[in-house]
């Protein structure tokens, strides 16, 4: 009986940890993907037009692509929950 209670507590803690880690991965993915979108389409938005002025387009697109790839990976990992 006592062993079962300990196992239940560990299982519940593991599920909570996995859920929190998944939530963190999904939130970080959204932030990183948003940065990638701003790198690609920053010239189209009024509030980022000043920040994106006089930046090398190649660097913006490379960084935006890396953000899109990494954000997609974090989103996949958060949805799959394979920890």
N, C-alpha and C. Protein backbone atom coordinates (compact mmCIF):
# COMPACT_ATOMS: atom_id res chain seq x y z
N UNK A 1 0.82 -1.19 0.00
CA UNK A 1 0.00 0.00 0.00
C UNK A 1 0.86 1.26 0.00
N UNK A 2 1.87 1.26 0.88
CA UNK A 2 2.73 2.44 0.98
C UNK A 2 3.57 2.63 -0.29
N UNK A 3 3.99 1.53 -0.91
CA UNK A 3 4.76 1.62 -2.15
C UNK A 3 3.90 2.19 -3.27
N UNK A 4 2.62 1.82 -3.29
CA UNK A 4 1.72 2.33 -4.31
C UNK A 4 1.51 3.83 -4.16
N UNK A 5 1.43 4.31 -2.93
CA UNK A 5 1.25 5.73 -2.68
C UNK A 5 2.47 6.52 -3.17
N UNK A 6 3.65 6.01 -2.88
CA UNK A 6 4.87 6.67 -3.34
C UNK A 6 4.96 6.68 -4.85
N UNK A 7 4.57 5.60 -5.48
CA UNK A 7 4.58 5.52 -6.94
C UNK A 7 3.57 6.50 -7.54
N UNK A 8 2.41 6.63 -6.90
CA UNK A 8 1.40 7.57 -7.38
C UNK A 8 1.88 9.01 -7.28
N UNK A 9 2.55 9.32 -6.19
CA UNK A 9 3.08 10.67 -6.00
C UNK A 9 4.14 10.98 -7.06
N UNK A 10 5.03 10.02 -7.29
CA UNK A 10 6.07 10.23 -8.31
C UNK A 10 5.45 10.37 -9.70
N UNK A 11 4.46 9.58 -10.00
CA UNK A 11 3.79 9.66 -11.31
C UNK A 11 3.08 11.00 -11.48
N UNK A 12 2.40 11.46 -10.41
CA UNK A 12 1.72 12.75 -10.47
C UNK A 12 2.73 13.88 -10.64
N UNK A 13 3.86 13.82 -9.94
CA UNK A 13 4.90 14.85 -10.08
C UNK A 13 5.51 14.82 -11.48
N UNK A 14 5.70 13.62 -12.04
CA UNK A 14 6.24 13.51 -13.39
C UNK A 14 5.29 14.11 -14.42
N UNK A 15 3.99 13.87 -14.26
CA UNK A 15 3.00 14.44 -15.17
C UNK A 15 2.97 15.96 -15.07
N UNK A 16 3.05 16.49 -13.85
CA UNK A 16 3.08 17.94 -13.68
C UNK A 16 4.32 18.54 -14.33
N UNK A 17 5.46 17.89 -14.13
CA UNK A 17 6.70 18.37 -14.74
C UNK A 17 6.58 18.37 -16.26
N UNK A 18 6.06 17.28 -16.83
CA UNK A 18 5.91 17.20 -18.28
C UNK A 18 4.96 18.26 -18.81
N UNK A 19 3.87 18.51 -18.11
CA UNK A 19 2.92 19.54 -18.54
C UNK A 19 3.54 20.93 -18.47
N UNK A 20 4.28 21.22 -17.41
CA UNK A 20 4.92 22.53 -17.30
C UNK A 20 6.00 22.71 -18.36
N UNK A 21 6.76 21.66 -18.61
CA UNK A 21 7.80 21.75 -19.64
C UNK A 21 7.18 21.92 -21.02
N UNK A 22 6.08 21.23 -21.26
CA UNK A 22 5.39 21.37 -22.53
C UNK A 22 4.85 22.79 -22.70
N UNK A 23 4.27 23.34 -21.66
CA UNK A 23 3.77 24.71 -21.70
C UNK A 23 4.90 25.69 -21.97
N UNK A 24 6.03 25.48 -21.31
CA UNK A 24 7.19 26.35 -21.52
C UNK A 24 7.68 26.26 -22.96
N UNK A 25 7.73 25.05 -23.51
CA UNK A 25 8.18 24.88 -24.89
C UNK A 25 7.24 25.57 -25.87
N UNK A 26 5.94 25.48 -25.63
CA UNK A 26 4.97 26.09 -26.55
C UNK A 26 5.04 27.62 -26.47
N UNK A 27 5.18 28.16 -25.27
CA UNK A 27 5.29 29.62 -25.12
C UNK A 27 6.58 30.13 -25.75
N UNK A 28 7.69 29.44 -25.51
CA UNK A 28 8.96 29.85 -26.11
C UNK A 28 8.90 29.74 -27.63
N UNK A 29 8.23 28.71 -28.14
CA UNK A 29 8.08 28.55 -29.58
C UNK A 29 7.30 29.72 -30.17
N UNK A 30 6.24 30.15 -29.49
CA UNK A 30 5.46 31.28 -29.98
C UNK A 30 6.30 32.55 -30.01
N UNK A 31 7.10 32.77 -28.99
CA UNK A 31 7.96 33.96 -28.95
C UNK A 31 9.01 33.91 -30.05
N UNK A 32 9.66 32.77 -30.22
CA UNK A 32 10.72 32.64 -31.22
C UNK A 32 10.13 32.74 -32.63
N UNK A 33 8.96 32.12 -32.85
CA UNK A 33 8.32 32.24 -34.17
C UNK A 33 7.90 33.68 -34.45
N UNK A 34 7.46 34.41 -33.42
CA UNK A 34 7.10 35.82 -33.60
C UNK A 34 8.32 36.64 -34.01
N UNK A 35 9.46 36.36 -33.40
CA UNK A 35 10.69 37.06 -33.79
C UNK A 35 11.04 36.73 -35.24
N UNK A 36 10.88 35.47 -35.63
CA UNK A 36 11.15 35.09 -37.02
C UNK A 36 10.23 35.82 -37.99
N UNK A 37 8.95 35.93 -37.64
CA UNK A 37 8.01 36.65 -38.50
C UNK A 37 8.40 38.13 -38.58
N UNK A 38 8.81 38.71 -37.47
CA UNK A 38 9.24 40.11 -37.50
C UNK A 38 10.49 40.30 -38.35
N UNK A 39 11.38 39.31 -38.38
CA UNK A 39 12.56 39.41 -39.23
C UNK A 39 12.17 39.37 -40.70
N UNK A 40 11.22 38.51 -41.05
CA UNK A 40 10.80 38.40 -42.45
C UNK A 40 9.94 39.58 -42.89
N UNK A 41 8.99 39.98 -42.05
CA UNK A 41 8.00 40.98 -42.45
C UNK A 41 8.08 42.24 -41.60
N UNK A 42 9.22 42.55 -41.03
CA UNK A 42 9.37 43.72 -40.17
C UNK A 42 9.17 45.03 -40.87
N UNK A 43 9.46 45.06 -42.17
CA UNK A 43 9.28 46.30 -42.93
C UNK A 43 7.81 46.63 -43.16
N UNK A 44 6.95 45.64 -43.03
CA UNK A 44 5.52 45.84 -43.29
C UNK A 44 4.78 46.40 -42.07
N UNK A 45 5.32 46.23 -40.88
CA UNK A 45 4.66 46.70 -39.66
C UNK A 45 5.15 48.09 -39.30
N UNK A 46 4.22 48.94 -38.90
CA UNK A 46 4.56 50.32 -38.56
C UNK A 46 5.49 50.41 -37.35
N UNK A 47 5.24 49.59 -36.33
CA UNK A 47 6.00 49.71 -35.08
C UNK A 47 7.41 49.14 -35.18
N UNK A 48 7.72 48.36 -36.20
CA UNK A 48 9.08 47.83 -36.35
C UNK A 48 9.83 48.43 -37.52
N UNK A 49 9.20 49.33 -38.24
CA UNK A 49 9.84 49.91 -39.42
C UNK A 49 11.14 50.64 -39.06
N UNK A 50 11.15 51.33 -37.93
CA UNK A 50 12.35 52.06 -37.50
C UNK A 50 13.45 51.08 -37.10
N UNK A 51 13.09 49.98 -36.42
CA UNK A 51 14.08 48.99 -36.01
C UNK A 51 14.70 48.26 -37.19
N UNK A 52 13.91 48.02 -38.24
CA UNK A 52 14.38 47.24 -39.37
C UNK A 52 15.06 48.09 -40.45
N UNK A 53 15.02 49.39 -40.29
CA UNK A 53 15.65 50.26 -41.27
C UNK A 53 17.17 50.09 -41.24
N UNK A 54 17.78 50.12 -42.39
CA UNK A 54 19.24 50.05 -42.55
C UNK A 54 19.85 48.76 -42.03
N UNK A 55 19.10 47.68 -42.05
CA UNK A 55 19.64 46.37 -41.67
C UNK A 55 19.89 45.57 -42.94
N UNK A 56 20.91 44.77 -42.94
CA UNK A 56 21.23 43.94 -44.09
C UNK A 56 20.13 42.90 -44.28
N UNK A 57 19.50 42.87 -45.44
CA UNK A 57 18.40 41.92 -45.65
C UNK A 57 18.83 40.45 -45.55
N UNK A 58 20.04 40.14 -45.98
CA UNK A 58 20.50 38.75 -45.92
C UNK A 58 20.59 38.27 -44.47
N UNK A 59 21.12 39.11 -43.60
CA UNK A 59 21.23 38.75 -42.19
C UNK A 59 19.84 38.60 -41.57
N UNK A 60 18.92 39.51 -41.92
CA UNK A 60 17.55 39.40 -41.41
C UNK A 60 16.90 38.10 -41.83
N UNK A 61 17.07 37.71 -43.09
CA UNK A 61 16.43 36.49 -43.58
C UNK A 61 17.08 35.24 -43.01
N UNK A 62 18.38 35.26 -42.84
CA UNK A 62 19.05 34.11 -42.23
C UNK A 62 18.61 33.95 -40.78
N UNK A 63 18.62 35.04 -40.03
CA UNK A 63 18.19 34.98 -38.63
C UNK A 63 16.71 34.61 -38.52
N UNK A 64 15.88 35.17 -39.40
CA UNK A 64 14.46 34.83 -39.40
C UNK A 64 14.23 33.37 -39.72
N UNK A 65 15.01 32.82 -40.65
CA UNK A 65 14.89 31.40 -40.98
C UNK A 65 15.31 30.51 -39.83
N UNK A 66 16.40 30.89 -39.15
CA UNK A 66 16.83 30.12 -37.98
C UNK A 66 15.79 30.18 -36.87
N UNK A 67 15.20 31.34 -36.67
CA UNK A 67 14.15 31.46 -35.65
C UNK A 67 12.94 30.61 -36.02
N UNK A 68 12.58 30.58 -37.30
CA UNK A 68 11.44 29.77 -37.73
C UNK A 68 11.72 28.28 -37.53
N UNK A 69 12.93 27.85 -37.87
CA UNK A 69 13.28 26.44 -37.69
C UNK A 69 13.30 26.05 -36.21
N UNK A 70 13.96 26.86 -35.39
CA UNK A 70 14.06 26.52 -33.97
C UNK A 70 12.71 26.64 -33.28
N UNK A 71 11.93 27.66 -33.64
CA UNK A 71 10.59 27.80 -33.07
C UNK A 71 9.70 26.63 -33.45
N UNK A 72 9.82 26.16 -34.69
CA UNK A 72 9.06 24.99 -35.10
C UNK A 72 9.48 23.74 -34.34
N UNK A 73 10.78 23.60 -34.10
CA UNK A 73 11.27 22.47 -33.32
C UNK A 73 10.73 22.51 -31.89
N UNK A 74 10.76 23.69 -31.27
CA UNK A 74 10.26 23.81 -29.90
C UNK A 74 8.75 23.54 -29.84
N UNK A 75 8.02 23.99 -30.86
CA UNK A 75 6.59 23.73 -30.91
C UNK A 75 6.32 22.23 -31.06
N UNK A 76 7.06 21.57 -31.92
CA UNK A 76 6.91 20.13 -32.12
C UNK A 76 7.21 19.38 -30.82
N UNK A 77 8.29 19.77 -30.17
CA UNK A 77 8.68 19.10 -28.92
C UNK A 77 7.66 19.34 -27.82
N UNK A 78 7.08 20.55 -27.77
CA UNK A 78 6.07 20.84 -26.77
C UNK A 78 4.77 20.10 -26.99
N UNK A 79 4.42 19.92 -28.24
CA UNK A 79 3.18 19.19 -28.55
C UNK A 79 3.37 17.69 -28.36
N UNK A 80 4.52 17.17 -28.77
CA UNK A 80 4.76 15.73 -28.67
C UNK A 80 4.95 15.27 -27.24
N UNK A 81 5.54 16.08 -26.39
CA UNK A 81 5.80 15.79 -24.97
C UNK A 81 6.60 14.51 -24.78
N UNK A 82 7.65 14.35 -25.55
CA UNK A 82 8.51 13.16 -25.42
C UNK A 82 9.73 13.53 -24.60
N UNK A 83 9.57 13.54 -23.27
CA UNK A 83 10.66 13.94 -22.37
C UNK A 83 11.21 12.75 -21.65
